[in-house]
Amino acid sequence: MFQIGFDEARRIVAEGRLDAAKAPQAQEFLDAVTQECVLDLGKLEYISSAGLGVLLRTHKRLMSSGGGLKLVNVNSHINDIFMYSGFDRLFEIEVAE
């Protein structure tokens, strides 16, 4: 299961498993984002290399217009993946408490 959408504060919330099967759904949603945004990953259980690619493409596109993605509520498992892949040097990341 994977869901992505806006919450009441207009933050993007991703929930479930962002894998190769769900990457197109995430990319389609994020392609509609045109300005810097916050992506809440507090309910994300898993992210594959395809999911990482979605985040990277979106971040690069938004950076070209002066924005970017800020990742918040990142659990320790997902944060480890970001660290091992070097994404911690590309994104502003706030780890969940």
PDB file of N, CA and C in Angstrom:
ATOM      1  N   MET A   1       0.835  -1.183   0.000  1.00  0.00           N
ATOM      2  CA  MET A   1       0.000   0.000   0.000  1.00  0.00           C
ATOM      3  C   MET A   1       0.879   1.245   0.000  1.00  0.00           C
ATOM      4  N   PHE A   2       0.495   2.226  -0.769  1.00  0.00           N
ATOM      5  CA  PHE A   2       1.186   3.511  -0.803  1.00  0.00           C
ATOM      6  C   PHE A   2       0.163   4.598  -1.058  1.00  0.00           C
ATOM      7  N   GLN A   3       0.295   5.687  -0.298  1.00  0.00           N
ATOM      8  CA  GLN A   3      -0.564   6.852  -0.508  1.00  0.00           C
ATOM      9  C   GLN A   3       0.301   8.097  -0.426  1.00  0.00           C
ATOM     10  N   ILE A   4      -0.065   9.089  -1.216  1.00  0.00           N
ATOM     11  CA  ILE A   4       0.613  10.377  -1.171  1.00  0.00           C
ATOM     12  C   ILE A   4      -0.431  11.462  -1.390  1.00  0.00           C
ATOM     13  N   GLY A   5      -0.311  12.548  -0.625  1.00  0.00           N
ATOM     14  CA  GLY A   5      -1.264  13.643  -0.757  1.00  0.00           C
ATOM     15  C   GLY A   5      -0.897  14.774   0.184  1.00  0.00           C
ATOM     16  N   PHE A   6      -1.690  15.823   0.148  1.00  0.00           N
ATOM     17  CA  PHE A   6      -1.466  16.979   1.013  1.00  0.00           C
ATOM     18  C   PHE A   6      -2.225  16.813   2.321  1.00  0.00           C
ATOM     19  N   ASP A   7      -1.641  17.292   3.427  1.00  0.00           N
ATOM     20  CA  ASP A   7      -2.370  17.345   4.682  1.00  0.00           C
ATOM     21  C   ASP A   7      -2.979  18.734   4.834  1.00  0.00           C
ATOM     22  N   GLU A   8      -3.603  18.995   5.974  1.00  0.00           N
ATOM     23  CA  GLU A   8      -4.287  20.280   6.192  1.00  0.00           C
ATOM     24  C   GLU A   8      -3.316  21.458   6.225  1.00  0.00           C
ATOM     25  N   ALA A   9      -2.040  21.209   6.502  1.00  0.00           N
ATOM     26  CA  ALA A   9      -1.025  22.277   6.522  1.00  0.00           C
ATOM     27  C   ALA A   9      -0.339  22.430   5.164  1.00  0.00           C
ATOM     28  N   ARG A  10      -0.839  21.728   4.142  1.00  0.00           N
ATOM     29  CA  ARG A  10      -0.304  21.770   2.770  1.00  0.00           C
ATOM     30  C   ARG A  10       1.079  21.141   2.667  1.00  0.00           C
ATOM     31  N   ARG A  11       1.403  20.280   3.638  1.00  0.00           N
ATOM     32  CA  ARG A  11       2.613  19.470   3.512  1.00  0.00           C
ATOM     33  C   ARG A  11       2.234  18.211   2.746  1.00  0.00           C
ATOM     34  N   ILE A  12       3.179  17.671   2.019  1.00  0.00           N
ATOM     35  CA  ILE A  12       2.949  16.409   1.332  1.00  0.00           C
ATOM     36  C   ILE A  12       3.248  15.287   2.311  1.00  0.00           C
ATOM     37  N   VAL A  13       2.352  14.325   2.387  1.00  0.00           N
ATOM     38  CA  VAL A  13       2.515  13.180   3.278  1.00  0.00           C
ATOM     39  C   VAL A  13       2.570  11.915   2.421  1.00  0.00           C
ATOM     40  N   ALA A  14       3.637  11.128   2.625  1.00  0.00           N
ATOM     41  CA  ALA A  14       3.768   9.836   1.951  1.00  0.00           C
ATOM     42  C   ALA A  14       3.632   8.747   3.002  1.00  0.00           C
ATOM     43  N   GLU A  15       2.862   7.710   2.661  1.00  0.00           N
ATOM     44  CA  GLU A  15       2.557   6.653   3.624  1.00  0.00           C
ATOM     45  C   GLU A  15       2.652   5.290   2.950  1.00  0.00           C
ATOM     46  N   GLY A  16       3.260   4.347   3.635  1.00  0.00           N
ATOM     47  CA  GLY A  16       3.322   2.975   3.130  1.00  0.00           C
ATOM     48  C   GLY A  16       4.675   2.637   2.544  1.00  0.00           C
ATOM     49  N   ARG A  17       4.657   1.965   1.387  1.00  0.00           N
ATOM     50  CA  ARG A  17       5.873   1.475   0.740  1.00  0.00           C
ATOM     51  C   ARG A  17       6.043   2.141  -0.621  1.00  0.00           C
ATOM     52  N   LEU A  18       7.108   2.911  -0.755  1.00  0.00           N
ATOM     53  CA  LEU A  18       7.414   3.565  -2.031  1.00  0.00           C
ATOM     54  C   LEU A  18       8.442   2.709  -2.761  1.00  0.00           C
ATOM     55  N   ASP A  19       7.922   1.807  -3.595  1.00  0.00           N
ATOM     56  CA  ASP A  19       8.782   0.893  -4.337  1.00  0.00           C
ATOM     57  C   ASP A  19       8.593   1.117  -5.835  1.00  0.00           C
ATOM     58  N   ALA A  20       9.181   0.252  -6.638  1.00  0.00           N
ATOM     59  CA  ALA A  20       9.123   0.421  -8.092  1.00  0.00           C
ATOM     60  C   ALA A  20       7.693   0.417  -8.618  1.00  0.00           C
ATOM     61  N   ALA A  21       6.817  -0.357  -7.993  1.00  0.00           N
ATOM     62  CA  ALA A  21       5.424  -0.424  -8.452  1.00  0.00           C
ATOM     63  C   ALA A  21       4.665   0.868  -8.177  1.00  0.00           C
ATOM     64  N   LYS A  22       5.040   1.589  -7.123  1.00  0.00           N
ATOM     65  CA  LYS A  22       4.335   2.813  -6.733  1.00  0.00           C
ATOM     66  C   LYS A  22       5.081   4.088  -7.126  1.00  0.00           C
ATOM     67  N   ALA A  23       6.296   3.955  -7.617  1.00  0.00           N
ATOM     68  CA  ALA A  23       7.078   5.130  -8.012  1.00  0.00           C
ATOM     69  C   ALA A  23       6.367   5.990  -9.066  1.00  0.00           C
ATOM     70  N   PRO A  24       5.727   5.400 -10.091  1.00  0.00           N
ATOM     71  CA  PRO A  24       5.012   6.247 -11.055  1.00  0.00           C
ATOM     72  C   PRO A  24       3.902   7.082 -10.421  1.00  0.00           C
ATOM     73  N   GLN A  25       3.184   6.505  -9.465  1.00  0.00           N
ATOM     74  CA  GLN A  25       2.124   7.238  -8.757  1.00  0.00           C
ATOM     75  C   GLN A  25       2.730   8.421  -8.001  1.00  0.00           C
ATOM     76  N   ALA A  26       3.826   8.188  -7.303  1.00  0.00           N
ATOM     77  CA  ALA A  26       4.483   9.257  -6.552  1.00  0.00           C
ATOM     78  C   ALA A  26       5.026  10.316  -7.498  1.00  0.00           C
ATOM     79  N   GLN A  27       5.626   9.887  -8.617  1.00  0.00           N
ATOM     80  CA  GLN A  27       6.193  10.844  -9.560  1.00  0.00           C
ATOM     81  C   GLN A  27       5.112  11.709 -10.178  1.00  0.00           C
ATOM     82  N   GLU A  28       3.994  11.100 -10.532  1.00  0.00           N
ATOM     83  CA  GLU A  28       2.880  11.862 -11.113  1.00  0.00           C
ATOM     84  C   GLU A  28       2.395  12.930 -10.137  1.00  0.00           C
ATOM     85  N   PHE A  29       2.245  12.559  -8.861  1.00  0.00           N
ATOM     86  CA  PHE A  29       1.800  13.525  -7.858  1.00  0.00           C
ATOM     87  C   PHE A  29       2.834  14.635  -7.695  1.00  0.00           C
ATOM     88  N   LEU A  30       4.093  14.275  -7.548  1.00  0.00           N
ATOM     89  CA  LEU A  30       5.145  15.269  -7.292  1.00  0.00           C
ATOM     90  C   LEU A  30       5.435  16.143  -8.505  1.00  0.00           C
ATOM     91  N   ASP A  31       5.165  15.638  -9.711  1.00  0.00           N
ATOM     92  CA  ASP A  31       5.355  16.456 -10.912  1.00  0.00           C
ATOM     93  C   ASP A  31       4.436  17.674 -10.917  1.00  0.00           C
ATOM     94  N   ALA A  32       3.331  17.609 -10.193  1.00  0.00           N
ATOM     95  CA  ALA A  32       2.396  18.736 -10.127  1.00  0.00           C
ATOM     96  C   ALA A  32       2.837  19.797  -9.120  1.00  0.00           C
ATOM     97  N   VAL A  33       3.836  19.487  -8.297  1.00  0.00           N
ATOM     98  CA  VAL A  33       4.351  20.441  -7.309  1.00  0.00           C
ATOM     99  C   VAL A  33       5.294  21.398  -8.021  1.00  0.00           C
ATOM    100  N   THR A  34       5.069  22.699  -7.832  1.00  0.00           N
ATOM    101  CA  THR A  34       5.843  23.689  -8.582  1.00  0.00           C
ATOM    102  C   THR A  34       6.721  24.580  -7.718  1.00  0.00           C
ATOM    103  N   GLN A  35       6.645  24.417  -6.405  1.00  0.00           N
ATOM    104  CA  GLN A  35       7.461  25.262  -5.541  1.00  0.00           C
ATOM    105  C   GLN A  35       8.016  24.432  -4.390  1.00  0.00           C
ATOM    106  N   GLU A  36       8.961  25.017  -3.672  1.00  0.00           N
ATOM    107  CA  GLU A  36       9.565  24.340  -2.533  1.00  0.00           C
ATOM    108  C   GLU A  36       8.489  23.761  -1.632  1.00  0.00           C
ATOM    109  N   CYS A  37       8.723  22.549  -1.128  1.00  0.00           N
ATOM    110  CA  CYS A  37       7.697  21.932  -0.287  1.00  0.00           C
ATOM    111  C   CYS A  37       8.328  21.043   0.772  1.00  0.00           C
ATOM    112  N   VAL A  38       7.499  20.707   1.748  1.00  0.00           N
ATOM    113  CA  VAL A  38       7.878  19.812   2.835  1.00  0.00           C
ATOM    114  C   VAL A  38       7.216  18.469   2.573  1.00  0.00           C
ATOM    115  N   LEU A  39       8.023  17.415   2.656  1.00  0.00           N
ATOM    116  CA  LEU A  39       7.530  16.064   2.455  1.00  0.00           C
ATOM    117  C   LEU A  39       7.651  15.310   3.774  1.00  0.00           C
ATOM    118  N   ASP A  40       6.513  14.975   4.370  1.00  0.00           N
ATOM    119  CA  ASP A  40       6.456  14.282   5.648  1.00  0.00           C
ATOM    120  C   ASP A  40       6.520  12.779   5.390  1.00  0.00           C
ATOM    121  N   LEU A  41       7.607  12.156   5.861  1.00  0.00           N
ATOM    122  CA  LEU A  41       7.802  10.723   5.651  1.00  0.00           C
ATOM    123  C   LEU A  41       7.573   9.916   6.925  1.00  0.00           C
ATOM    124  N   GLY A  42       6.865  10.490   7.883  1.00  0.00           N
ATOM    125  CA  GLY A  42       6.643   9.830   9.162  1.00  0.00           C
ATOM    126  C   GLY A  42       5.929   8.496   9.062  1.00  0.00           C
ATOM    127  N   LYS A  43       5.141   8.295   8.028  1.00  0.00           N
ATOM    128  CA  LYS A  43       4.398   7.044   7.873  1.00  0.00           C
ATOM    129  C   LYS A  43       4.946   6.194   6.726  1.00  0.00           C
ATOM    130  N   LEU A  44       6.112   6.586   6.194  1.00  0.00           N
ATOM    131  CA  LEU A  44       6.729   5.796   5.134  1.00  0.00           C
ATOM    132  C   LEU A  44       7.457   4.616   5.769  1.00  0.00           C
ATOM    133  N   GLU A  45       7.129   3.418   5.327  1.00  0.00           N
ATOM    134  CA  GLU A  45       7.700   2.197   5.895  1.00  0.00           C
ATOM    135  C   GLU A  45       8.931   1.725   5.134  1.00  0.00           C
ATOM    136  N   TYR A  46       8.975   2.004   3.831  1.00  0.00           N
ATOM    137  CA  TYR A  46      10.020   1.458   2.967  1.00  0.00           C
ATOM    138  C   TYR A  46      10.181   2.371   1.766  1.00  0.00           C
ATOM    139  N   ILE A  47      11.424   2.497   1.289  1.00  0.00           N
ATOM    140  CA  ILE A  47      11.676   3.208   0.042  1.00  0.00           C
ATOM    141  C   ILE A  47      12.730   2.438  -0.739  1.00  0.00           C
ATOM    142  N   SER A  48      12.456   2.167  -1.995  1.00  0.00           N
ATOM    143  CA  SER A  48      13.386   1.448  -2.865  1.00  0.00           C
ATOM    144  C   SER A  48      14.221   2.446  -3.652  1.00  0.00           C
ATOM    145  N   SER A  49      15.128   1.931  -4.466  1.00  0.00           N
ATOM    146  CA  SER A  49      15.934   2.815  -5.313  1.00  0.00           C
ATOM    147  C   SER A  49      15.049   3.583  -6.293  1.00  0.00           C
ATOM    148  N   ALA A  50      13.948   2.978  -6.717  1.00  0.00           N
ATOM    149  CA  ALA A  50      13.013   3.691  -7.606  1.00  0.00           C
ATOM    150  C   ALA A  50      12.383   4.866  -6.867  1.00  0.00           C
ATOM    151  N   GLY A  51      12.038   4.672  -5.602  1.00  0.00           N
ATOM    152  CA  GLY A  51      11.495   5.763  -4.784  1.00  0.00           C
ATOM    153  C   GLY A  51      12.517   6.857  -4.557  1.00  0.00           C
ATOM    154  N   LEU A  52      13.768   6.461  -4.331  1.00  0.00           N
ATOM    155  CA  LEU A  52      14.835   7.455  -4.179  1.00  0.00           C
ATOM    156  C   LEU A  52      14.976   8.278  -5.454  1.00  0.00           C
ATOM    157  N   GLY A  53      14.830   7.614  -6.594  1.00  0.00           N
ATOM    158  CA  GLY A  53      14.911   8.319  -7.873  1.00  0.00           C
ATOM    159  C   GLY A  53      13.805   9.355  -8.031  1.00  0.00           C
ATOM    160  N   VAL A  54      12.617   9.023  -7.572  1.00  0.00           N
ATOM    161  CA  VAL A  54      11.494   9.965  -7.624  1.00  0.00           C
ATOM    162  C   VAL A  54      11.826  11.213  -6.804  1.00  0.00           C
ATOM    163  N   LEU A  55      12.321  11.007  -5.583  1.00  0.00           N
ATOM    164  CA  LEU A  55      12.669  12.147  -4.732  1.00  0.00           C
ATOM    165  C   LEU A  55      13.781  12.977  -5.360  1.00  0.00           C
ATOM    166  N   LEU A  56      14.789  12.317  -5.909  1.00  0.00           N
ATOM    167  CA  LEU A  56      15.910  13.044  -6.508  1.00  0.00           C
ATOM    168  C   LEU A  56      15.469  13.856  -7.724  1.00  0.00           C
ATOM    169  N   ARG A  57      14.694  13.257  -8.618  1.00  0.00           N
ATOM    170  CA  ARG A  57      14.215  13.993  -9.800  1.00  0.00           C
ATOM    171  C   ARG A  57      13.389  15.207  -9.397  1.00  0.00           C
ATOM    172  N   THR A  58      12.520  15.019  -8.416  1.00  0.00           N
ATOM    173  CA  THR A  58      11.670  16.123  -7.960  1.00  0.00           C
ATOM    174  C   THR A  58      12.507  17.217  -7.323  1.00  0.00           C
ATOM    175  N   HIS A  59      13.447  16.833  -6.491  1.00  0.00           N
ATOM    176  CA  HIS A  59      14.312  17.809  -5.816  1.00  0.00           C
ATOM    177  C   HIS A  59      15.117  18.614  -6.833  1.00  0.00           C
ATOM    178  N   LYS A  60      15.702  17.939  -7.804  1.00  0.00           N
ATOM    179  CA  LYS A  60      16.506  18.633  -8.827  1.00  0.00           C
ATOM    180  C   LYS A  60      15.642  19.603  -9.637  1.00  0.00           C
ATOM    181  N   ARG A  61      14.441  19.153  -9.998  1.00  0.00           N
ATOM    182  CA  ARG A  61      13.543  20.023 -10.778  1.00  0.00           C
ATOM    183  C   ARG A  61      13.167  21.258  -9.968  1.00  0.00           C
ATOM    184  N   LEU A  62      12.834  21.072  -8.696  1.00  0.00           N
ATOM    185  CA  LEU A  62      12.447  22.211  -7.857  1.00  0.00           C
ATOM    186  C   LEU A  62      13.641  23.128  -7.574  1.00  0.00           C
ATOM    187  N   MET A  63      14.821  22.555  -7.435  1.00  0.00           N
ATOM    188  CA  MET A  63      16.015  23.374  -7.193  1.00  0.00           C
ATOM    189  C   MET A  63      16.322  24.277  -8.387  1.00  0.00           C
ATOM    190  N   SER A  64      16.012  23.812  -9.586  1.00  0.00           N
ATOM    191  CA  SER A  64      16.281  24.629 -10.770  1.00  0.00           C
ATOM    192  C   SER A  64      15.430  25.895 -10.794  1.00  0.00           C
ATOM    193  N   SER A  65      14.342  25.900 -10.010  1.00  0.00           N
ATOM    194  CA  SER A  65      13.501  27.095  -9.916  1.00  0.00           C
ATOM    195  C   SER A  65      13.613  27.743  -8.536  1.00  0.00           C
ATOM    196  N   GLY A  66      14.689  27.410  -7.817  1.00  0.00           N
ATOM    197  CA  GLY A  66      14.940  28.057  -6.532  1.00  0.00           C
ATOM    198  C   GLY A  66      14.288  27.399  -5.336  1.00  0.00           C
ATOM    199  N   GLY A  67      13.739  26.193  -5.502  1.00  0.00           N
ATOM    200  CA  GLY A  67      13.067  25.503  -4.405  1.00  0.00           C
ATOM    201  C   GLY A  67      13.804  24.251  -3.994  1.00  0.00           C
ATOM    202  N   GLY A  68      13.054  23.219  -3.697  1.00  0.00           N
ATOM    203  CA  GLY A  68      13.606  21.942  -3.276  1.00  0.00           C
ATOM    204  C   GLY A  68      12.632  21.216  -2.380  1.00  0.00           C
ATOM    205  N   LEU A  69      13.017  20.015  -1.983  1.00  0.00           N
ATOM    206  CA  LEU A  69      12.219  19.220  -1.049  1.00  0.00           C
ATOM    207  C   LEU A  69      12.895  19.229   0.312  1.00  0.00           C
ATOM    208  N   LYS A  70      12.108  19.415   1.353  1.00  0.00           N
ATOM    209  CA  LYS A  70      12.578  19.254   2.720  1.00  0.00           C
ATOM    210  C   LYS A  70      11.883  18.011   3.258  1.00  0.00           C
ATOM    211  N   LEU A  71      12.651  17.059   3.758  1.00  0.00           N
ATOM    212  CA  LEU A  71      12.112  15.805   4.249  1.00  0.00           C
ATOM    213  C   LEU A  71      12.026  15.852   5.766  1.00  0.00           C
ATOM    214  N   VAL A  72      10.843  15.606   6.311  1.00  0.00           N
ATOM    215  CA  VAL A  72      10.637  15.690   7.761  1.00  0.00           C
ATOM    216  C   VAL A  72      10.042  14.387   8.294  1.00  0.00           C
ATOM    217  N   ASN A  73      10.158  14.213   9.624  1.00  0.00           N
ATOM    218  CA  ASN A  73       9.647  13.024  10.321  1.00  0.00           C
ATOM    219  C   ASN A  73      10.194  11.732   9.747  1.00  0.00           C
ATOM    220  N   VAL A  74      11.462  11.763   9.364  1.00  0.00           N
ATOM    221  CA  VAL A  74      12.099  10.598   8.755  1.00  0.00           C
ATOM    222  C   VAL A  74      12.489   9.613   9.864  1.00  0.00           C
ATOM    223  N   ASN A  75      11.981   8.385   9.779  1.00  0.00           N
ATOM    224  CA  ASN A  75      12.311   7.391  10.810  1.00  0.00           C
ATOM    225  C   ASN A  75      13.753   6.915  10.641  1.00  0.00           C
ATOM    226  N   SER A  76      14.274   6.233  11.632  1.00  0.00           N
ATOM    227  CA  SER A  76      15.689   5.869  11.634  1.00  0.00           C
ATOM    228  C   SER A  76      16.036   4.924  10.488  1.00  0.00           C
ATOM    229  N   HIS A  77      15.144   4.002  10.142  1.00  0.00           N
ATOM    230  CA  HIS A  77      15.412   3.065   9.042  1.00  0.00           C
ATOM    231  C   HIS A  77      15.536   3.810   7.705  1.00  0.00           C
ATOM    232  N   ILE A  78      14.586   4.680   7.425  1.00  0.00           N
ATOM    233  CA  ILE A  78      14.616   5.453   6.175  1.00  0.00           C
ATOM    234  C   ILE A  78      15.816   6.401   6.190  1.00  0.00           C
ATOM    235  N   ASN A  79      16.111   6.989   7.333  1.00  0.00           N
ATOM    236  CA  ASN A  79      17.263   7.883   7.435  1.00  0.00           C
ATOM    237  C   ASN A  79      18.565   7.126   7.143  1.00  0.00           C
ATOM    238  N   ASP A  80      18.673   5.884   7.604  1.00  0.00           N
ATOM    239  CA  ASP A  80      19.850   5.068   7.292  1.00  0.00           C
ATOM    240  C   ASP A  80      19.998   4.900   5.787  1.00  0.00           C
ATOM    241  N   ILE A  81      18.911   4.649   5.100  1.00  0.00           N
ATOM    242  CA  ILE A  81      18.941   4.509   3.641  1.00  0.00           C
ATOM    243  C   ILE A  81      19.435   5.808   3.006  1.00  0.00           C
ATOM    244  N   PHE A  82      18.938   6.946   3.492  1.00  0.00           N
ATOM    245  CA  PHE A  82      19.386   8.233   2.964  1.00  0.00           C
ATOM    246  C   PHE A  82      20.883   8.435   3.214  1.00  0.00           C
ATOM    247  N   MET A  83      21.356   8.027   4.384  1.00  0.00           N
ATOM    248  CA  MET A  83      22.774   8.184   4.701  1.00  0.00           C
ATOM    249  C   MET A  83      23.636   7.287   3.810  1.00  0.00           C
ATOM    250  N   TYR A  84      23.247   6.028   3.656  1.00  0.00           N
ATOM    251  CA  TYR A  84      24.023   5.085   2.840  1.00  0.00           C
ATOM    252  C   TYR A  84      24.052   5.486   1.370  1.00  0.00           C
ATOM    253  N   SER A  85      22.995   6.112   0.909  1.00  0.00           N
ATOM    254  CA  SER A  85      22.913   6.517  -0.498  1.00  0.00           C
ATOM    255  C   SER A  85      23.493   7.906  -0.749  1.00  0.00           C
ATOM    256  N   GLY A  86      23.843   8.626   0.315  1.00  0.00           N
ATOM    257  CA  GLY A  86      24.378   9.976   0.167  1.00  0.00           C
ATOM    258  C   GLY A  86      23.312  11.052   0.062  1.00  0.00           C
ATOM    259  N   PHE A  87      22.044  10.653   0.185  1.00  0.00           N
ATOM    260  CA  PHE A  87      20.957  11.624   0.080  1.00  0.00           C
ATOM    261  C   PHE A  87      20.964  12.609   1.242  1.00  0.00           C
ATOM    262  N   ASP A  88      21.587  12.229   2.340  1.00  0.00           N
ATOM    263  CA  ASP A  88      21.652  13.148   3.481  1.00  0.00           C
ATOM    264  C   ASP A  88      22.475  14.390   3.158  1.00  0.00           C
ATOM    265  N   ARG A  89      23.278  14.325   2.102  1.00  0.00           N
ATOM    266  CA  ARG A  89      24.064  15.492   1.680  1.00  0.00           C
ATOM    267  C   ARG A  89      23.324  16.327   0.633  1.00  0.00           C
ATOM    268  N   LEU A  90      22.238  15.792   0.098  1.00  0.00           N
ATOM    269  CA  LEU A  90      21.479  16.490  -0.943  1.00  0.00           C
ATOM    270  C   LEU A  90      20.233  17.183  -0.413  1.00  0.00           C
ATOM    271  N   PHE A  91      19.606  16.565   0.576  1.00  0.00           N
ATOM    272  CA  PHE A  91      18.330  17.039   1.097  1.00  0.00           C
ATOM    273  C   PHE A  91      18.488  17.622   2.488  1.00  0.00           C
ATOM    274  N   GLU A  92      17.606  18.542   2.827  1.00  0.00           N
ATOM    275  CA  GLU A  92      17.459  18.950   4.210  1.00  0.00           C
ATOM    276  C   GLU A  92      16.545  17.915   4.855  1.00  0.00           C
ATOM    277  N   ILE A  93      17.044  17.239   5.897  1.00  0.00           N
ATOM    278  CA  ILE A  93      16.312  16.128   6.515  1.00  0.00           C
ATOM    279  C   ILE A  93      16.157  16.391   8.011  1.00  0.00           C
ATOM    280  N   GLU A  94      14.930  16.236   8.475  1.00  0.00           N
ATOM    281  CA  GLU A  94      14.641  16.278   9.903  1.00  0.00           C
ATOM    282  C   GLU A  94      14.201  14.883  10.333  1.00  0.00           C
ATOM    283  N   VAL A  95      14.985  14.287  11.231  1.00  0.00           N
ATOM    284  CA  VAL A  95      14.713  12.949  11.708  1.00  0.00           C
ATOM    285  C   VAL A  95      13.608  12.988  12.762  1.00  0.00           C
ATOM    286  N   ALA A  96      12.727  11.985  12.733  1.00  0.00           N
ATOM    287  CA  ALA A  96      11.652  11.895  13.726  1.00  0.00           C
ATOM    288  C   ALA A  96      12.242  11.662  15.106  1.00  0.00           C
ATOM    289  N   GLU A  97      11.546  12.166  16.108  1.00  0.00           N
ATOM    290  CA  GLU A  97      12.014  11.989  17.485  1.00  0.00           C
ATOM    291  C   GLU A  97      11.665  10.630  18.012  1.00  0.00           C
TER     292      GLU A  97
END
